Amino acid sequence: MEKKVFENKFIRFVFDEEKRLMKYAWENTLGLFESEFKEIMEAQTEYLLRFKPQFLLIDHTNFGFPIDPELQEWVNEHCLAQWRTATPKKIALTSTKEIIAQLSIEQIWEEPIGRLFNVQFFDNADEVQWWLRN
């Protein structure tokens, strides 16, 4: 059963203990500031380390925040480096239609730390379930 563990106007975190699945679903990011993005990333890290899910779904469907190279580096150093200790088996990411935002997300996962994870991009969240289970 899914349980909401965090929510603000930009994102919602839901954990399904039975499936060992954590979902991060981004809402419209219009008006999101870098400082708020960092706070959200720190919260994602905190909950990932707390619940240690086997599977992680990050839904970027509504994400439109372009992550500049310095912020990408910050995400890798301050968040993904810690995510390794939670050892998720698979991380599924849905794509956004915002091209610049999508490229910046992909660049994060192309960095050396990001390549340590089993990551796959999908067009929508419906395509994810099969991959996460196989």
N, C-alpha and C. Protein backbone atom coordinates (compact mmCIF):
# COMPACT_ATOMS: atom_id res chain seq x y z
N MET A 1 0.84 -1.18 0.00
CA MET A 1 0.00 0.00 0.00
C MET A 1 0.89 1.25 0.00
N GLU A 2 0.53 2.21 -0.82
CA GLU A 2 1.32 3.43 -0.92
C GLU A 2 1.01 4.37 0.24
N LYS A 3 2.08 5.01 0.71
CA LYS A 3 1.94 5.97 1.81
C LYS A 3 2.68 7.25 1.42
N LYS A 4 1.97 8.38 1.48
CA LYS A 4 2.62 9.66 1.18
C LYS A 4 3.55 10.00 2.34
N VAL A 5 4.81 10.29 2.01
CA VAL A 5 5.79 10.60 3.06
C VAL A 5 6.27 12.04 3.03
N PHE A 6 6.01 12.75 1.91
CA PHE A 6 6.43 14.14 1.79
C PHE A 6 5.65 14.77 0.66
N GLU A 7 5.32 16.06 0.83
CA GLU A 7 4.65 16.77 -0.26
C GLU A 7 4.81 18.27 -0.06
N ASN A 8 5.10 18.96 -1.17
CA ASN A 8 5.00 20.41 -1.20
C ASN A 8 4.41 20.79 -2.56
N LYS A 9 4.42 22.05 -2.92
CA LYS A 9 3.75 22.45 -4.17
C LYS A 9 4.49 21.98 -5.43
N PHE A 10 5.73 21.51 -5.30
CA PHE A 10 6.51 21.10 -6.45
C PHE A 10 6.67 19.59 -6.61
N ILE A 11 6.51 18.83 -5.52
CA ILE A 11 6.82 17.40 -5.58
C ILE A 11 6.05 16.64 -4.51
N ARG A 12 5.87 15.33 -4.79
CA ARG A 12 5.23 14.44 -3.83
C ARG A 12 6.06 13.15 -3.76
N PHE A 13 6.34 12.66 -2.54
CA PHE A 13 7.05 11.40 -2.35
C PHE A 13 6.04 10.39 -1.81
N VAL A 14 6.02 9.21 -2.42
CA VAL A 14 5.14 8.13 -1.98
C VAL A 14 5.98 6.87 -1.85
N PHE A 15 5.77 6.11 -0.77
CA PHE A 15 6.52 4.86 -0.57
C PHE A 15 5.55 3.70 -0.46
N ASP A 16 5.84 2.64 -1.22
CA ASP A 16 5.07 1.40 -1.16
C ASP A 16 5.97 0.36 -0.51
N GLU A 17 5.72 0.08 0.76
CA GLU A 17 6.59 -0.83 1.51
C GLU A 17 6.55 -2.24 0.95
N GLU A 18 5.37 -2.70 0.55
CA GLU A 18 5.23 -4.06 0.02
C GLU A 18 6.07 -4.25 -1.24
N LYS A 19 6.04 -3.27 -2.14
CA LYS A 19 6.80 -3.35 -3.39
C LYS A 19 8.22 -2.82 -3.25
N ARG A 20 8.53 -2.22 -2.11
CA ARG A 20 9.84 -1.59 -1.87
C ARG A 20 10.13 -0.54 -2.94
N LEU A 21 9.08 0.25 -3.26
CA LEU A 21 9.14 1.24 -4.33
C LEU A 21 8.90 2.64 -3.78
N MET A 22 9.83 3.54 -4.06
CA MET A 22 9.68 4.95 -3.72
C MET A 22 9.39 5.70 -5.02
N LYS A 23 8.37 6.56 -5.00
CA LYS A 23 8.03 7.39 -6.16
C LYS A 23 8.21 8.85 -5.79
N TYR A 24 8.92 9.57 -6.64
CA TYR A 24 9.03 11.02 -6.53
C TYR A 24 8.31 11.58 -7.75
N ALA A 25 7.20 12.26 -7.56
CA ALA A 25 6.43 12.81 -8.68
C ALA A 25 6.49 14.33 -8.66
N TRP A 26 7.19 14.89 -9.64
CA TRP A 26 7.30 16.34 -9.75
C TRP A 26 6.00 16.92 -10.27
N GLU A 27 5.59 18.02 -9.70
CA GLU A 27 4.44 18.80 -10.18
C GLU A 27 5.01 19.93 -11.05
N ASN A 28 4.21 20.88 -11.43
CA ASN A 28 4.67 22.02 -12.22
C ASN A 28 5.75 22.76 -11.44
N THR A 29 6.91 22.93 -12.05
CA THR A 29 8.04 23.58 -11.38
C THR A 29 8.17 25.06 -11.71
N LEU A 30 7.16 25.63 -12.33
CA LEU A 30 7.17 27.07 -12.61
C LEU A 30 7.30 27.83 -11.30
N GLY A 31 8.29 28.68 -11.21
CA GLY A 31 8.51 29.45 -9.98
C GLY A 31 9.45 28.78 -8.99
N LEU A 32 9.99 27.62 -9.35
CA LEU A 32 10.92 26.92 -8.47
C LEU A 32 12.27 27.64 -8.48
N PHE A 33 12.78 27.96 -7.30
CA PHE A 33 14.09 28.59 -7.17
C PHE A 33 15.15 27.52 -6.91
N GLU A 34 16.40 27.85 -7.21
CA GLU A 34 17.50 26.91 -6.99
C GLU A 34 17.55 26.46 -5.53
N SER A 35 17.36 27.37 -4.60
CA SER A 35 17.41 27.01 -3.18
C SER A 35 16.32 25.99 -2.83
N GLU A 36 15.13 26.14 -3.43
CA GLU A 36 14.04 25.19 -3.20
C GLU A 36 14.36 23.84 -3.84
N PHE A 37 14.96 23.87 -5.03
CA PHE A 37 15.37 22.63 -5.69
C PHE A 37 16.36 21.87 -4.81
N LYS A 38 17.32 22.58 -4.25
CA LYS A 38 18.30 21.94 -3.37
C LYS A 38 17.63 21.34 -2.14
N GLU A 39 16.69 22.05 -1.55
CA GLU A 39 15.96 21.53 -0.39
C GLU A 39 15.21 20.25 -0.75
N ILE A 40 14.60 20.24 -1.92
CA ILE A 40 13.88 19.05 -2.37
C ILE A 40 14.84 17.89 -2.59
N MET A 41 15.96 18.16 -3.21
CA MET A 41 16.95 17.11 -3.45
C MET A 41 17.48 16.55 -2.13
N GLU A 42 17.69 17.42 -1.15
CA GLU A 42 18.12 16.96 0.17
C GLU A 42 17.04 16.10 0.83
N ALA A 43 15.78 16.49 0.65
CA ALA A 43 14.67 15.69 1.20
C ALA A 43 14.58 14.34 0.48
N GLN A 44 14.76 14.33 -0.84
CA GLN A 44 14.77 13.06 -1.57
C GLN A 44 15.84 12.13 -1.01
N THR A 45 17.00 12.69 -0.77
CA THR A 45 18.11 11.90 -0.23
C THR A 45 17.77 11.38 1.16
N GLU A 46 17.23 12.24 2.01
CA GLU A 46 16.86 11.84 3.37
C GLU A 46 15.88 10.67 3.36
N TYR A 47 14.83 10.76 2.55
CA TYR A 47 13.81 9.71 2.52
C TYR A 47 14.32 8.44 1.84
N LEU A 48 15.18 8.58 0.86
CA LEU A 48 15.77 7.41 0.23
C LEU A 48 16.62 6.64 1.23
N LEU A 49 17.41 7.36 2.02
CA LEU A 49 18.25 6.71 3.02
C LEU A 49 17.41 6.13 4.16
N ARG A 50 16.32 6.77 4.49
CA ARG A 50 15.46 6.29 5.57
C ARG A 50 14.72 5.01 5.18
N PHE A 51 14.13 4.98 3.98
CA PHE A 51 13.28 3.85 3.58
C PHE A 51 14.03 2.77 2.81
N LYS A 52 15.17 3.09 2.23
CA LYS A 52 15.99 2.16 1.45
C LYS A 52 15.17 1.31 0.47
N PRO A 53 14.49 1.96 -0.46
CA PRO A 53 13.70 1.19 -1.43
C PRO A 53 14.59 0.42 -2.40
N GLN A 54 14.08 -0.68 -2.91
CA GLN A 54 14.81 -1.42 -3.94
C GLN A 54 14.64 -0.75 -5.30
N PHE A 55 13.49 -0.08 -5.45
CA PHE A 55 13.15 0.53 -6.73
C PHE A 55 12.77 1.99 -6.52
N LEU A 56 13.17 2.81 -7.47
CA LEU A 56 12.89 4.24 -7.38
C LEU A 56 12.34 4.71 -8.72
N LEU A 57 11.20 5.40 -8.66
CA LEU A 57 10.60 6.01 -9.85
C LEU A 57 10.58 7.51 -9.65
N ILE A 58 11.25 8.23 -10.53
CA ILE A 58 11.23 9.69 -10.49
C ILE A 58 10.46 10.16 -11.72
N ASP A 59 9.27 10.70 -11.47
CA ASP A 59 8.38 11.13 -12.55
C ASP A 59 8.63 12.60 -12.86
N HIS A 60 9.28 12.83 -13.99
CA HIS A 60 9.62 14.19 -14.44
C HIS A 60 8.62 14.74 -15.45
N THR A 61 7.47 14.10 -15.61
CA THR A 61 6.50 14.50 -16.64
C THR A 61 6.22 16.00 -16.61
N ASN A 62 6.05 16.56 -15.42
CA ASN A 62 5.70 17.98 -15.28
C ASN A 62 6.90 18.86 -14.93
N PHE A 63 8.10 18.29 -14.98
CA PHE A 63 9.31 19.00 -14.58
C PHE A 63 9.76 19.93 -15.69
N GLY A 64 10.02 21.19 -15.36
CA GLY A 64 10.47 22.14 -16.37
C GLY A 64 11.62 23.00 -15.91
N PHE A 65 12.27 22.60 -14.82
CA PHE A 65 13.34 23.39 -14.22
C PHE A 65 14.68 23.00 -14.84
N PRO A 66 15.33 23.91 -15.59
CA PRO A 66 16.64 23.58 -16.16
C PRO A 66 17.71 23.59 -15.07
N ILE A 67 18.47 22.52 -15.00
CA ILE A 67 19.49 22.36 -13.96
C ILE A 67 20.84 22.73 -14.58
N ASP A 68 21.40 23.87 -14.17
CA ASP A 68 22.65 24.33 -14.78
C ASP A 68 23.81 23.42 -14.35
N PRO A 69 24.95 23.46 -15.07
CA PRO A 69 26.07 22.56 -14.78
C PRO A 69 26.56 22.61 -13.33
N GLU A 70 26.63 23.78 -12.73
CA GLU A 70 27.06 23.86 -11.32
C GLU A 70 26.09 23.13 -10.41
N LEU A 71 24.81 23.27 -10.67
CA LEU A 71 23.79 22.60 -9.86
C LEU A 71 23.80 21.09 -10.12
N GLN A 72 24.08 20.69 -11.35
CA GLN A 72 24.23 19.26 -11.65
C GLN A 72 25.36 18.66 -10.82
N GLU A 73 26.46 19.39 -10.75
CA GLU A 73 27.61 18.94 -9.96
C GLU A 73 27.22 18.84 -8.48
N TRP A 74 26.47 19.82 -7.99
CA TRP A 74 26.02 19.80 -6.60
C TRP A 74 25.15 18.56 -6.34
N VAL A 75 24.24 18.25 -7.27
CA VAL A 75 23.38 17.07 -7.12
C VAL A 75 24.23 15.81 -7.02
N ASN A 76 25.22 15.69 -7.89
CA ASN A 76 26.09 14.51 -7.86
C ASN A 76 26.86 14.40 -6.56
N GLU A 77 27.44 15.50 -6.11
CA GLU A 77 28.29 15.47 -4.92
C GLU A 77 27.50 15.35 -3.62
N HIS A 78 26.36 16.03 -3.52
CA HIS A 78 25.62 16.09 -2.26
C HIS A 78 24.46 15.10 -2.16
N CYS A 79 24.02 14.58 -3.28
CA CYS A 79 22.85 13.69 -3.24
C CYS A 79 23.19 12.29 -3.76
N LEU A 80 23.54 12.19 -5.03
CA LEU A 80 23.76 10.87 -5.61
C LEU A 80 24.88 10.11 -4.92
N ALA A 81 25.88 10.80 -4.45
CA ALA A 81 26.95 10.13 -3.71
C ALA A 81 26.39 9.42 -2.48
N GLN A 82 25.40 10.02 -1.83
CA GLN A 82 24.76 9.39 -0.67
C GLN A 82 23.75 8.32 -1.08
N TRP A 83 23.12 8.48 -2.23
CA TRP A 83 22.13 7.50 -2.69
C TRP A 83 22.74 6.12 -2.82
N ARG A 84 24.03 6.05 -3.12
CA ARG A 84 24.69 4.75 -3.27
C ARG A 84 24.57 3.91 -2.02
N THR A 85 24.57 4.54 -0.84
CA THR A 85 24.48 3.76 0.40
C THR A 85 23.09 3.15 0.59
N ALA A 86 22.08 3.69 -0.07
CA ALA A 86 20.73 3.12 0.01
C ALA A 86 20.58 1.94 -0.96
N THR A 87 21.48 1.83 -1.89
CA THR A 87 21.57 0.76 -2.89
C THR A 87 20.25 0.39 -3.59
N PRO A 88 19.58 1.35 -4.22
CA PRO A 88 18.41 0.96 -5.01
C PRO A 88 18.85 0.10 -6.20
N LYS A 89 18.10 -0.98 -6.48
CA LYS A 89 18.45 -1.88 -7.58
C LYS A 89 18.23 -1.22 -8.94
N LYS A 90 17.11 -0.50 -9.05
CA LYS A 90 16.77 0.14 -10.32
C LYS A 90 16.17 1.51 -10.07
N ILE A 91 16.52 2.44 -10.96
CA ILE A 91 15.96 3.79 -10.91
C ILE A 91 15.34 4.08 -12.27
N ALA A 92 14.04 4.30 -12.26
CA ALA A 92 13.31 4.62 -13.49
C ALA A 92 12.99 6.10 -13.49
N LEU A 93 13.24 6.75 -14.62
CA LEU A 93 12.97 8.18 -14.74
C LEU A 93 12.06 8.42 -15.93
N THR A 94 10.98 9.15 -15.72
CA THR A 94 10.15 9.53 -16.86
C THR A 94 10.70 10.83 -17.43
N SER A 95 10.54 10.97 -18.71
CA SER A 95 11.06 12.15 -19.41
C SER A 95 10.07 13.30 -19.36
N THR A 96 10.63 14.50 -19.43
CA THR A 96 9.83 15.71 -19.54
C THR A 96 9.85 16.18 -20.99
N LYS A 97 8.83 16.90 -21.39
CA LYS A 97 8.80 17.45 -22.75
C LYS A 97 9.62 18.73 -22.86
N GLU A 98 10.04 19.28 -21.74
CA GLU A 98 10.88 20.48 -21.72
C GLU A 98 12.31 20.07 -22.07
N ILE A 99 12.75 20.37 -23.27
CA ILE A 99 14.01 19.87 -23.81
C ILE A 99 15.21 20.22 -22.93
N ILE A 100 15.35 21.47 -22.53
CA ILE A 100 16.51 21.89 -21.73
C ILE A 100 16.50 21.19 -20.38
N ALA A 101 15.35 21.10 -19.75
CA ALA A 101 15.25 20.40 -18.47
C ALA A 101 15.60 18.92 -18.65
N GLN A 102 15.12 18.30 -19.73
CA GLN A 102 15.42 16.89 -19.98
C GLN A 102 16.91 16.67 -20.18
N LEU A 103 17.53 17.52 -20.98
CA LEU A 103 18.98 17.39 -21.20
C LEU A 103 19.75 17.52 -19.89
N SER A 104 19.34 18.44 -19.04
CA SER A 104 20.05 18.63 -17.78
C SER A 104 19.87 17.42 -16.85
N ILE A 105 18.71 16.78 -16.88
CA ILE A 105 18.49 15.57 -16.09
C ILE A 105 19.39 14.45 -16.61
N GLU A 106 19.41 14.28 -17.92
CA GLU A 106 20.24 13.23 -18.52
C GLU A 106 21.71 13.45 -18.21
N GLN A 107 22.17 14.69 -18.21
CA GLN A 107 23.58 14.98 -17.92
C GLN A 107 23.94 14.57 -16.50
N ILE A 108 23.02 14.74 -15.56
CA ILE A 108 23.30 14.31 -14.18
C ILE A 108 23.60 12.82 -14.15
N TRP A 109 22.79 12.03 -14.84
CA TRP A 109 22.94 10.57 -14.78
C TRP A 109 24.08 10.07 -15.67
N GLU A 110 24.63 10.94 -16.53
CA GLU A 110 25.77 10.55 -17.35
C GLU A 110 27.10 10.78 -16.64
N GLU A 111 27.07 11.49 -15.53
CA GLU A 111 28.28 11.73 -14.75
C GLU A 111 28.73 10.41 -14.11
N PRO A 112 30.01 10.31 -13.70
CA PRO A 112 30.51 9.05 -13.13
C PRO A 112 29.66 8.48 -12.00
N ILE A 113 29.19 9.30 -11.09
CA ILE A 113 28.39 8.78 -9.98
C ILE A 113 27.06 8.26 -10.51
N GLY A 114 26.43 8.99 -11.40
CA GLY A 114 25.16 8.56 -11.96
C GLY A 114 25.24 7.24 -12.70
N ARG A 115 26.38 6.97 -13.33
CA ARG A 115 26.55 5.73 -14.09
C ARG A 115 26.69 4.51 -13.19
N LEU A 116 26.86 4.71 -11.88
CA LEU A 116 26.95 3.59 -10.95
C LEU A 116 25.59 2.94 -10.68
N PHE A 117 24.52 3.61 -11.07
CA PHE A 117 23.17 3.12 -10.84
C PHE A 117 22.61 2.47 -12.10
N ASN A 118 21.66 1.56 -11.91
CA ASN A 118 20.92 0.96 -13.02
C ASN A 118 19.75 1.88 -13.33
N VAL A 119 19.93 2.76 -14.30
CA VAL A 119 18.97 3.82 -14.60
C VAL A 119 18.40 3.63 -16.01
N GLN A 120 17.10 3.87 -16.14
CA GLN A 120 16.46 3.81 -17.44
C GLN A 120 15.47 4.96 -17.56
N PHE A 121 15.43 5.59 -18.73
CA PHE A 121 14.46 6.66 -19.01
C PHE A 121 13.26 6.08 -19.75
N PHE A 122 12.07 6.60 -19.43
CA PHE A 122 10.82 6.18 -20.06
C PHE A 122 10.03 7.41 -20.47
N ASP A 123 9.14 7.22 -21.46
CA ASP A 123 8.30 8.33 -21.91
C ASP A 123 7.21 8.67 -20.92
N ASN A 124 6.73 7.66 -20.17
CA ASN A 124 5.69 7.93 -19.17
C ASN A 124 5.74 6.87 -18.07
N ALA A 125 5.08 7.14 -16.97
CA ALA A 125 5.14 6.28 -15.79
C ALA A 125 4.50 4.91 -16.03
N ASP A 126 3.58 4.80 -16.96
CA ASP A 126 2.93 3.51 -17.23
C ASP A 126 3.92 2.48 -17.78
N GLU A 127 4.92 2.92 -18.50
CA GLU A 127 5.91 2.01 -19.09
C GLU A 127 6.88 1.45 -18.06
N VAL A 128 6.93 2.05 -16.91
CA VAL A 128 7.95 1.76 -15.91
C VAL A 128 7.73 0.45 -15.18
N GLN A 129 6.51 0.10 -14.84
CA GLN A 129 6.22 -1.02 -13.94
C GLN A 129 6.86 -2.33 -14.39
N TRP A 130 6.77 -2.65 -15.67
CA TRP A 130 7.34 -3.90 -16.15
C TRP A 130 8.85 -3.92 -15.94
N TRP A 131 9.52 -2.84 -16.29
CA TRP A 131 10.98 -2.80 -16.18
C TRP A 131 11.42 -2.92 -14.72
N LEU A 132 10.73 -2.26 -13.82
CA LEU A 132 11.13 -2.31 -12.42
C LEU A 132 11.02 -3.72 -11.85
N ARG A 133 10.10 -4.50 -12.32
CA ARG A 133 9.86 -5.85 -11.78
C ARG A 133 10.68 -6.93 -12.46
N ASN A 134 11.33 -6.64 -13.58
CA ASN A 134 12.08 -7.66 -14.31
C ASN A 134 13.56 -7.37 -14.34
